[in-house]
């Protein structure tokens, strides 16, 4: 049984989420306090985190940052619940490490569908593919592990999948929609703009100079490619 932790201070929303997800067979626990929620995550990491942005004591964005910089937690799928409908707020959440978002008010059926899709997308799959070594980077699909100059690079599962998808198809340009299809699949809820956010996150992690990337190149008006010719 998959375990889900909900960090949300609105009791009505917590009850709605718990009722519908438990009905679908998930084990759900909840807390309304950000600091207490982070303690629970570290003590007993759930299979998925549902996180409100506006929380007492510690904000959802701070929790995202803490989770993503922790090597033991960085693969934890994070779904943000937010009352803020502006795209900028959703993008900030994605930039700080969230995998998906739902804007309040939301349909319980939509939330359940997103939870299931996110769990499927972030589940490592068995693979016979060999590690890719390019310059200082080593990308190991069997372990979902990336190292740069021998040092581990903390990475969420979806970040790894996007990096591996591009690195396994070097010097080829992919549109945002092609990347969404290849990495997120047909059950995606995120938008093409989300690809830009993930690419920025990857550049911060693997590039010596993220403003002038050697690997993750933007092809203006076309999309992205993973450059190997320079290496």
Protein backbone atom coordinates (compact mmCIF):
# COMPACT_ATOMS: atom_id res chain seq x y z
CA UNK A 1 0.00 0.00 0.00
CA UNK A 2 1.44 3.36 -1.04
CA UNK A 3 1.82 5.88 1.75
CA UNK A 4 0.94 9.52 1.17
CA UNK A 5 1.68 12.42 3.51
CA UNK A 6 -0.51 15.52 3.22
CA UNK A 7 0.83 18.78 4.67
CA UNK A 8 -2.14 21.16 4.60
CA UNK A 9 -3.58 23.43 7.29
CA UNK A 10 -7.15 23.54 5.95
CA UNK A 11 -8.94 20.72 7.78
CA UNK A 12 -11.77 20.52 5.25
CA UNK A 13 -9.32 19.99 2.40
CA UNK A 14 -7.42 17.39 4.44
CA UNK A 15 -10.59 15.43 5.07
CA UNK A 16 -11.57 15.63 1.39
CA UNK A 17 -8.15 14.45 0.26
CA UNK A 18 -7.92 11.67 2.85
CA UNK A 19 -11.39 10.32 2.13
CA UNK A 20 -10.90 10.12 -1.62
CA UNK A 21 -7.34 8.76 -1.60
CA UNK A 22 -8.07 6.17 1.09
CA UNK A 23 -11.05 5.07 -0.99
CA UNK A 24 -8.55 4.40 -3.80
CA UNK A 25 -6.41 2.23 -1.54
CA UNK A 26 -3.77 4.67 -0.33
CA UNK A 27 -2.61 5.03 3.27
CA UNK A 28 -2.89 8.74 4.09
CA UNK A 29 -1.50 10.71 7.04
CA UNK A 30 -1.71 14.46 7.46
CA UNK A 31 -0.36 17.40 9.40
CA UNK A 32 -1.16 21.10 9.25
CA UNK A 33 2.24 22.30 10.41
CA UNK A 34 5.11 22.71 7.95
CA UNK A 35 7.90 22.14 10.45
CA UNK A 36 6.22 19.04 11.86
CA UNK A 37 5.59 17.80 8.32
CA UNK A 38 9.27 18.04 7.43
CA UNK A 39 10.15 16.13 10.59
CA UNK A 40 7.71 13.39 9.60
CA UNK A 41 9.17 13.20 6.08
CA UNK A 42 12.67 12.72 7.46
CA UNK A 43 11.57 10.20 10.07
CA UNK A 44 9.46 8.03 7.77
CA UNK A 45 9.59 9.13 4.10
CA UNK A 46 6.24 8.58 2.35
CA UNK A 47 5.82 7.35 -1.22
CA UNK A 48 4.37 10.71 -2.25
CA UNK A 49 4.00 14.14 -0.65
CA UNK A 50 1.00 16.43 -1.15
CA UNK A 51 2.01 19.89 -0.04
CA UNK A 52 0.24 23.21 0.46
CA UNK A 53 2.35 26.28 -0.29
CA UNK A 54 1.03 28.49 2.51
CA UNK A 55 1.75 26.76 5.82
CA UNK A 56 2.43 27.84 9.40
CA UNK A 57 6.02 27.68 10.73
CA UNK A 58 7.57 26.46 7.47
CA UNK A 59 6.27 27.17 3.96
CA UNK A 60 5.69 24.53 1.32
CA UNK A 61 8.43 26.08 -0.82
CA UNK A 62 10.95 25.74 2.02
CA UNK A 63 9.92 22.11 2.50
CA UNK A 64 10.48 21.50 -1.24
CA UNK A 65 13.97 22.96 -1.04
CA UNK A 66 14.85 20.88 2.01
CA UNK A 67 13.57 17.68 0.42
CA UNK A 68 15.40 18.18 -2.85
CA UNK A 69 18.78 18.91 -1.25
CA UNK A 70 18.57 15.82 0.97
CA UNK A 71 20.22 12.87 -0.76
CA UNK A 72 17.92 10.42 1.03
CA UNK A 73 14.75 12.26 -0.04
CA UNK A 74 15.45 13.88 -3.39
CA UNK A 75 13.47 11.27 -5.37
CA UNK A 76 10.31 11.79 -3.30
CA UNK A 77 7.42 12.77 -5.64
CA UNK A 78 5.97 16.13 -4.59
CA UNK A 79 2.56 17.44 -5.64
CA UNK A 80 1.74 21.02 -4.68
CA UNK A 81 -1.71 22.21 -3.65
CA UNK A 82 -2.07 25.96 -3.97
CA UNK A 83 -4.83 28.52 -3.97
CA UNK A 84 -2.67 30.76 -6.13
CA UNK A 85 -3.78 30.46 -9.72
CA UNK A 86 -1.06 32.55 -11.34
CA UNK A 87 1.36 30.61 -13.51
CA UNK A 88 4.32 32.33 -11.84
CA UNK A 89 3.50 30.70 -8.50
CA UNK A 90 3.23 27.27 -10.08
CA UNK A 91 6.54 27.78 -11.88
CA UNK A 92 8.27 28.76 -8.63
CA UNK A 93 7.03 25.53 -7.06
CA UNK A 94 8.35 23.49 -9.98
CA UNK A 95 11.67 25.32 -9.92
CA UNK A 96 12.10 24.45 -6.26
CA UNK A 97 11.54 20.77 -6.90
CA UNK A 98 7.82 20.00 -7.11
CA UNK A 99 6.82 17.41 -9.71
CA UNK A 100 3.24 18.53 -10.31
CA UNK A 101 0.63 20.95 -8.99
CA UNK A 102 -3.12 21.20 -8.43
CA UNK A 103 -4.80 24.57 -8.04
CA UNK A 104 -7.58 24.98 -5.47
CA UNK A 105 -10.47 24.44 -5.81
CA UNK A 106 -9.85 21.04 -7.36
CA UNK A 107 -11.80 17.94 -8.26
CA UNK A 108 -11.04 14.98 -5.95
CA UNK A 109 -11.09 12.72 -9.01
CA UNK A 110 -8.53 14.92 -10.75
CA UNK A 111 -6.30 14.90 -7.67
CA UNK A 112 -6.48 11.11 -7.44
CA UNK A 113 -5.67 10.79 -11.15
CA UNK A 114 -2.64 13.04 -10.78
CA UNK A 115 -1.40 11.14 -7.73
CA UNK A 116 -1.63 7.83 -9.57
CA UNK A 117 0.02 9.20 -12.70
CA UNK A 118 2.84 10.79 -10.69
CA UNK A 119 3.51 7.57 -8.81
CA UNK A 120 3.67 5.66 -12.09
CA UNK A 121 5.99 8.20 -13.70
CA UNK A 122 8.39 8.32 -10.77
CA UNK A 123 8.65 4.57 -10.31
CA UNK A 124 12.09 3.39 -11.50
CA UNK A 125 11.78 0.70 -14.17
CA UNK A 126 13.99 -2.26 -14.89
CA UNK A 127 16.36 -1.48 -17.72
CA UNK A 128 19.13 -3.17 -19.65
CA UNK A 129 20.51 0.16 -20.83
CA UNK A 130 24.16 0.80 -20.06
CA UNK A 131 25.47 3.87 -18.24
CA UNK A 132 26.24 6.91 -20.37
CA UNK A 133 29.59 8.64 -19.84
CA UNK A 134 30.06 12.07 -21.41
CA UNK A 135 32.86 14.33 -20.23
CA UNK A 136 32.64 14.55 -16.42
CA UNK A 137 29.12 13.09 -16.38
CA UNK A 138 28.15 9.50 -15.71
CA UNK A 139 24.45 8.67 -16.02
CA UNK A 140 23.51 5.22 -14.72
CA UNK A 141 19.92 4.17 -15.61
CA UNK A 142 20.03 1.01 -13.51
CA UNK A 143 20.66 2.95 -10.29
CA UNK A 144 18.99 6.23 -11.36
CA UNK A 145 22.29 7.82 -10.34
CA UNK A 146 24.22 10.72 -11.82
CA UNK A 147 27.76 11.70 -10.92
CA UNK A 148 29.78 14.69 -12.04
CA UNK A 149 33.56 14.34 -11.81
CA UNK A 150 32.90 11.37 -9.53
CA UNK A 151 30.63 13.26 -7.13
CA UNK A 152 26.93 12.30 -6.77
CA UNK A 153 24.41 14.76 -8.19
CA UNK A 154 21.13 14.71 -6.20
CA UNK A 155 18.27 14.34 -8.65
CA UNK A 156 14.57 13.57 -8.57
CA UNK A 157 13.29 10.65 -10.61
CA UNK A 158 11.65 12.89 -13.21
CA UNK A 159 14.79 15.02 -13.50
CA UNK A 160 16.79 11.85 -14.11
CA UNK A 161 14.34 10.60 -16.71
CA UNK A 162 14.51 13.87 -18.66
CA UNK A 163 18.31 13.93 -18.51
CA UNK A 164 18.62 10.31 -19.59
CA UNK A 165 16.06 10.72 -22.38
CA UNK A 166 18.12 13.54 -23.90
CA UNK A 167 21.57 12.08 -23.19
CA UNK A 168 20.58 8.74 -24.75
CA UNK A 169 19.63 10.62 -27.93
CA UNK A 170 22.54 13.05 -28.23
CA UNK A 171 22.76 16.00 -30.63
CA UNK A 172 19.12 15.66 -31.60
CA UNK A 173 16.62 18.46 -31.08
CA UNK A 174 13.36 17.70 -29.25
CA UNK A 175 10.39 20.02 -28.94
CA UNK A 176 8.79 20.54 -25.56
CA UNK A 177 5.81 18.42 -26.59
CA UNK A 178 8.10 15.60 -27.69
CA UNK A 179 9.86 15.70 -24.33
CA UNK A 180 6.54 15.68 -22.49
CA UNK A 181 5.46 12.62 -24.48
CA UNK A 182 8.78 10.84 -24.00
CA UNK A 183 9.31 11.59 -20.30
CA UNK A 184 5.94 12.35 -18.75
CA UNK A 185 3.85 10.16 -21.06
CA UNK A 186 0.30 10.52 -22.28
CA UNK A 187 -1.17 10.88 -18.77
CA UNK A 188 0.63 14.13 -18.18
CA UNK A 189 -0.96 17.17 -16.56
CA UNK A 190 2.00 19.53 -16.68
CA UNK A 191 2.37 22.08 -19.47
CA UNK A 192 5.16 22.61 -22.03
CA UNK A 193 6.40 25.45 -19.78
CA UNK A 194 7.24 22.81 -17.18
CA UNK A 195 9.92 21.42 -19.51
CA UNK A 196 11.71 24.78 -19.35
CA UNK A 197 11.68 24.59 -15.56
CA UNK A 198 13.12 21.08 -15.51
CA UNK A 199 15.85 22.03 -17.98
CA UNK A 200 16.84 24.97 -15.76
CA UNK A 201 16.96 22.66 -12.76
CA UNK A 202 19.17 20.19 -14.62
CA UNK A 203 21.52 22.94 -15.80
CA UNK A 204 21.99 24.10 -12.22
CA UNK A 205 23.03 20.58 -11.29
CA UNK A 206 25.20 19.36 -14.16
CA UNK A 207 26.65 22.44 -15.87
CA UNK A 208 29.79 24.27 -14.78
CA UNK A 209 28.18 27.50 -15.99
CA UNK A 210 24.38 27.14 -16.19
CA UNK A 211 24.12 30.44 -18.09
CA UNK A 212 26.38 29.05 -20.82
CA UNK A 213 25.61 25.31 -20.81
CA UNK A 214 27.95 22.84 -22.43
CA UNK A 215 25.42 20.00 -22.54
CA UNK A 216 21.79 21.11 -22.16
CA UNK A 217 21.45 23.41 -25.16
CA UNK A 218 18.47 25.52 -26.17
CA UNK A 219 17.74 25.69 -29.88
CA UNK A 220 15.75 28.88 -30.20
CA UNK A 221 12.33 28.33 -31.73
CA UNK A 222 12.80 24.55 -31.82
CA UNK A 223 13.46 22.97 -28.42
CA UNK A 224 16.34 21.35 -26.55
CA UNK A 225 19.20 18.99 -27.26
CA UNK A 226 21.95 17.27 -25.29
CA UNK A 227 25.23 18.29 -26.92
CA UNK A 228 28.09 15.79 -26.95
CA UNK A 229 30.19 17.04 -29.84
CA UNK A 230 32.01 19.59 -27.67
CA UNK A 231 32.88 16.95 -25.06
